Amino acid sequence: MFIVFTISAGLMLTLAIVNNGSSNDNHLVLSQLIIAKGQSPKYTDC
């Protein structure tokens, strides 16, 4: 169990370093759309 945790933590740290701590898509824009419309947007709204 500890080995699985160690491998997953290592992979997450590696991805954070490679991606400079940011994701490839902007979740803030989606959050603002949800707040503005009061519902989840359809795939055509983004």
PDB file of N, CA and C in Angstrom:
ATOM      1  N   MET A   1       0.826  -1.199   0.000  1.00  0.00           N
ATOM      2  CA  MET A   1       0.000   0.000   0.000  1.00  0.00           C
ATOM      3  C   MET A   1       0.864   1.254   0.000  1.00  0.00           C
ATOM      4  N   PHE A   2       1.923   1.210   0.796  1.00  0.00           N
ATOM      5  CA  PHE A   2       2.821   2.368   0.863  1.00  0.00           C
ATOM      6  C   PHE A   2       3.523   2.597  -0.469  1.00  0.00           C
ATOM      7  N   ILE A   3       3.805   1.511  -1.177  1.00  0.00           N
ATOM      8  CA  ILE A   3       4.471   1.632  -2.477  1.00  0.00           C
ATOM      9  C   ILE A   3       3.568   2.341  -3.478  1.00  0.00           C
ATOM     10  N   VAL A   4       2.283   2.014  -3.485  1.00  0.00           N
ATOM     11  CA  VAL A   4       1.325   2.664  -4.390  1.00  0.00           C
ATOM     12  C   VAL A   4       1.233   4.152  -4.076  1.00  0.00           C
ATOM     13  N   PHE A   5       1.163   4.487  -2.792  1.00  0.00           N
ATOM     14  CA  PHE A   5       1.100   5.890  -2.395  1.00  0.00           C
ATOM     15  C   PHE A   5       2.360   6.631  -2.830  1.00  0.00           C
ATOM     16  N   THR A   6       3.511   6.030  -2.635  1.00  0.00           N
ATOM     17  CA  THR A   6       4.779   6.657  -2.985  1.00  0.00           C
ATOM     18  C   THR A   6       4.885   6.883  -4.492  1.00  0.00           C
ATOM     19  N   ILE A   7       4.481   5.893  -5.268  1.00  0.00           N
ATOM     20  CA  ILE A   7       4.527   6.041  -6.726  1.00  0.00           C
ATOM     21  C   ILE A   7       3.562   7.127  -7.188  1.00  0.00           C
ATOM     22  N   SER A   8       2.348   7.147  -6.656  1.00  0.00           N
ATOM     23  CA  SER A   8       1.367   8.153  -7.081  1.00  0.00           C
ATOM     24  C   SER A   8       1.796   9.551  -6.659  1.00  0.00           C
ATOM     25  N   ALA A   9       2.352   9.691  -5.459  1.00  0.00           N
ATOM     26  CA  ALA A   9       2.839  11.002  -5.023  1.00  0.00           C
ATOM     27  C   ALA A   9       4.000  11.455  -5.897  1.00  0.00           C
ATOM     28  N   GLY A  10       4.874  10.528  -6.254  1.00  0.00           N
ATOM     29  CA  GLY A  10       5.988  10.869  -7.136  1.00  0.00           C
ATOM     30  C   GLY A  10       5.528  11.305  -8.515  1.00  0.00           C
ATOM     31  N   LEU A  11       4.520  10.619  -9.052  1.00  0.00           N
ATOM     32  CA  LEU A  11       3.979  11.008 -10.351  1.00  0.00           C
ATOM     33  C   LEU A  11       3.316  12.379 -10.307  1.00  0.00           C
ATOM     34  N   MET A  12       2.575  12.657  -9.248  1.00  0.00           N
ATOM     35  CA  MET A  12       1.941  13.973  -9.127  1.00  0.00           C
ATOM     36  C   MET A  12       2.972  15.083  -9.010  1.00  0.00           C
ATOM     37  N   LEU A  13       4.022  14.849  -8.244  1.00  0.00           N
ATOM     38  CA  LEU A  13       5.082  15.850  -8.124  1.00  0.00           C
ATOM     39  C   LEU A  13       5.803  16.057  -9.451  1.00  0.00           C
ATOM     40  N   THR A  14       6.045  14.975 -10.165  1.00  0.00           N
ATOM     41  CA  THR A  14       6.691  15.085 -11.473  1.00  0.00           C
ATOM     42  C   THR A  14       5.832  15.888 -12.442  1.00  0.00           C
ATOM     43  N   LEU A  15       4.534  15.621 -12.477  1.00  0.00           N
ATOM     44  CA  LEU A  15       3.636  16.383 -13.347  1.00  0.00           C
ATOM     45  C   LEU A  15       3.573  17.848 -12.958  1.00  0.00           C
ATOM     46  N   ALA A  16       3.582  18.131 -11.667  1.00  0.00           N
ATOM     47  CA  ALA A  16       3.555  19.522 -11.203  1.00  0.00           C
ATOM     48  C   ALA A  16       4.817  20.262 -11.637  1.00  0.00           C
ATOM     49  N   ILE A  17       5.944  19.580 -11.588  1.00  0.00           N
ATOM     50  CA  ILE A  17       7.204  20.216 -11.999  1.00  0.00           C
ATOM     51  C   ILE A  17       7.230  20.411 -13.516  1.00  0.00           C
ATOM     52  N   VAL A  18       6.838  19.389 -14.258  1.00  0.00           N
ATOM     53  CA  VAL A  18       6.864  19.475 -15.717  1.00  0.00           C
ATOM     54  C   VAL A  18       5.878  20.520 -16.225  1.00  0.00           C
ATOM     55  N   ASN A  19       4.699  20.619 -15.617  1.00  0.00           N
ATOM     56  CA  ASN A  19       3.664  21.559 -16.062  1.00  0.00           C
ATOM     57  C   ASN A  19       3.762  22.915 -15.390  1.00  0.00           C
ATOM     58  N   ASN A  20       4.813  23.154 -14.649  1.00  0.00           N
ATOM     59  CA  ASN A  20       4.997  24.422 -13.926  1.00  0.00           C
ATOM     60  C   ASN A  20       3.834  24.717 -12.981  1.00  0.00           C
ATOM     61  N   GLY A  21       3.218  23.703 -12.448  1.00  0.00           N
ATOM     62  CA  GLY A  21       2.163  23.866 -11.454  1.00  0.00           C
ATOM     63  C   GLY A  21       0.815  24.270 -12.009  1.00  0.00           C
ATOM     64  N   SER A  22       0.639  24.249 -13.320  1.00  0.00           N
ATOM     65  CA  SER A  22      -0.651  24.652 -13.884  1.00  0.00           C
ATOM     66  C   SER A  22      -1.177  23.575 -14.824  1.00  0.00           C
ATOM     67  N   SER A  23      -2.488  23.567 -14.993  1.00  0.00           N
ATOM     68  CA  SER A  23      -3.093  22.588 -15.886  1.00  0.00           C
ATOM     69  C   SER A  23      -3.141  23.155 -17.306  1.00  0.00           C
ATOM     70  N   ASN A  24      -3.454  22.314 -18.260  1.00  0.00           N
ATOM     71  CA  ASN A  24      -3.477  22.748 -19.650  1.00  0.00           C
ATOM     72  C   ASN A  24      -4.804  23.375 -20.061  1.00  0.00           C
ATOM     73  N   ASP A  25      -5.790  23.354 -19.197  1.00  0.00           N
ATOM     74  CA  ASP A  25      -7.053  24.020 -19.479  1.00  0.00           C
ATOM     75  C   ASP A  25      -7.428  24.906 -18.298  1.00  0.00           C
ATOM     76  N   ASN A  26      -8.119  25.973 -18.588  1.00  0.00           N
ATOM     77  CA  ASN A  26      -8.423  26.969 -17.576  1.00  0.00           C
ATOM     78  C   ASN A  26      -9.755  26.640 -16.901  1.00  0.00           C
ATOM     79  N   HIS A  27      -9.694  26.174 -15.660  1.00  0.00           N
ATOM     80  CA  HIS A  27     -10.910  25.822 -14.925  1.00  0.00           C
ATOM     81  C   HIS A  27     -11.633  27.044 -14.396  1.00  0.00           C
ATOM     82  N   LEU A  28     -10.944  28.172 -14.302  1.00  0.00           N
ATOM     83  CA  LEU A  28     -11.570  29.385 -13.781  1.00  0.00           C
ATOM     84  C   LEU A  28     -12.669  29.882 -14.715  1.00  0.00           C
ATOM     85  N   VAL A  29     -12.435  29.801 -16.013  1.00  0.00           N
ATOM     86  CA  VAL A  29     -13.443  30.226 -16.988  1.00  0.00           C
ATOM     87  C   VAL A  29     -14.693  29.366 -16.860  1.00  0.00           C
ATOM     88  N   LEU A  30     -14.511  28.071 -16.714  1.00  0.00           N
ATOM     89  CA  LEU A  30     -15.657  27.170 -16.559  1.00  0.00           C
ATOM     90  C   LEU A  30     -16.415  27.465 -15.273  1.00  0.00           C
ATOM     91  N   SER A  31     -15.691  27.732 -14.189  1.00  0.00           N
ATOM     92  CA  SER A  31     -16.343  28.070 -12.916  1.00  0.00           C
ATOM     93  C   SER A  31     -17.157  29.342 -13.049  1.00  0.00           C
ATOM     94  N   GLN A  32     -16.640  30.324 -13.761  1.00  0.00           N
ATOM     95  CA  GLN A  32     -17.373  31.577 -13.960  1.00  0.00           C
ATOM     96  C   GLN A  32     -18.632  31.357 -14.795  1.00  0.00           C
ATOM     97  N   LEU A  33     -18.552  30.469 -15.794  1.00  0.00           N
ATOM     98  CA  LEU A  33     -19.752  30.154 -16.585  1.00  0.00           C
ATOM     99  C   LEU A  33     -20.818  29.483 -15.731  1.00  0.00           C
ATOM    100  N   ILE A  34     -20.410  28.570 -14.871  1.00  0.00           N
ATOM    101  CA  ILE A  34     -21.367  27.879 -14.001  1.00  0.00           C
ATOM    102  C   ILE A  34     -22.028  28.865 -13.054  1.00  0.00           C
ATOM    103  N   ILE A  35     -21.241  29.786 -12.488  1.00  0.00           N
ATOM    104  CA  ILE A  35     -21.794  30.783 -11.566  1.00  0.00           C
ATOM    105  C   ILE A  35     -22.739  31.729 -12.301  1.00  0.00           C
ATOM    106  N   ALA A  36     -22.373  32.168 -13.503  1.00  0.00           N
ATOM    107  CA  ALA A  36     -23.189  33.123 -14.255  1.00  0.00           C
ATOM    108  C   ALA A  36     -24.516  32.519 -14.695  1.00  0.00           C
ATOM    109  N   LYS A  37     -24.494  31.265 -15.149  1.00  0.00           N
ATOM    110  CA  LYS A  37     -25.711  30.643 -15.667  1.00  0.00           C
ATOM    111  C   LYS A  37     -26.477  29.849 -14.627  1.00  0.00           C
ATOM    112  N   GLY A  38     -25.818  29.478 -13.531  1.00  0.00           N
ATOM    113  CA  GLY A  38     -26.478  28.706 -12.498  1.00  0.00           C
ATOM    114  C   GLY A  38     -26.622  27.235 -12.829  1.00  0.00           C
ATOM    115  N   GLN A  39     -25.967  26.786 -13.882  1.00  0.00           N
ATOM    116  CA  GLN A  39     -26.020  25.378 -14.275  1.00  0.00           C
ATOM    117  C   GLN A  39     -24.748  25.027 -15.036  1.00  0.00           C
ATOM    118  N   SER A  40     -24.509  23.738 -15.175  1.00  0.00           N
ATOM    119  CA  SER A  40     -23.333  23.303 -15.929  1.00  0.00           C
ATOM    120  C   SER A  40     -23.530  23.613 -17.400  1.00  0.00           C
ATOM    121  N   PRO A  41     -22.522  24.184 -18.056  1.00  0.00           N
ATOM    122  CA  PRO A  41     -22.673  24.498 -19.480  1.00  0.00           C
ATOM    123  C   PRO A  41     -22.626  23.247 -20.348  1.00  0.00           C
ATOM    124  N   LYS A  42     -23.238  23.330 -21.494  1.00  0.00           N
ATOM    125  CA  LYS A  42     -23.164  22.238 -22.467  1.00  0.00           C
ATOM    126  C   LYS A  42     -21.812  22.305 -23.162  1.00  0.00           C
ATOM    127  N   TYR A  43     -21.433  21.249 -23.845  1.00  0.00           N
ATOM    128  CA  TYR A  43     -20.131  21.213 -24.481  1.00  0.00           C
ATOM    129  C   TYR A  43     -20.003  22.272 -25.581  1.00  0.00           C
ATOM    130  N   THR A  44     -21.116  22.783 -26.099  1.00  0.00           N
ATOM    131  CA  THR A  44     -21.055  23.810 -27.141  1.00  0.00           C
ATOM    132  C   THR A  44     -20.882  25.214 -26.549  1.00  0.00           C
ATOM    133  N   ASP A  45     -21.064  25.386 -25.247  1.00  0.00           N
ATOM    134  CA  ASP A  45     -20.954  26.704 -24.622  1.00  0.00           C
ATOM    135  C   ASP A  45     -19.518  27.125 -24.350  1.00  0.00           C
ATOM    136  N   CYS A  46     -18.607  26.170 -24.314  1.00  0.00           N
ATOM    137  CA  CYS A  46     -17.234  26.500 -23.955  1.00  0.00           C
ATOM    138  C   CYS A  46     -16.477  26.904 -25.149  1.00  0.00           C
TER     139      CYS A  46
END
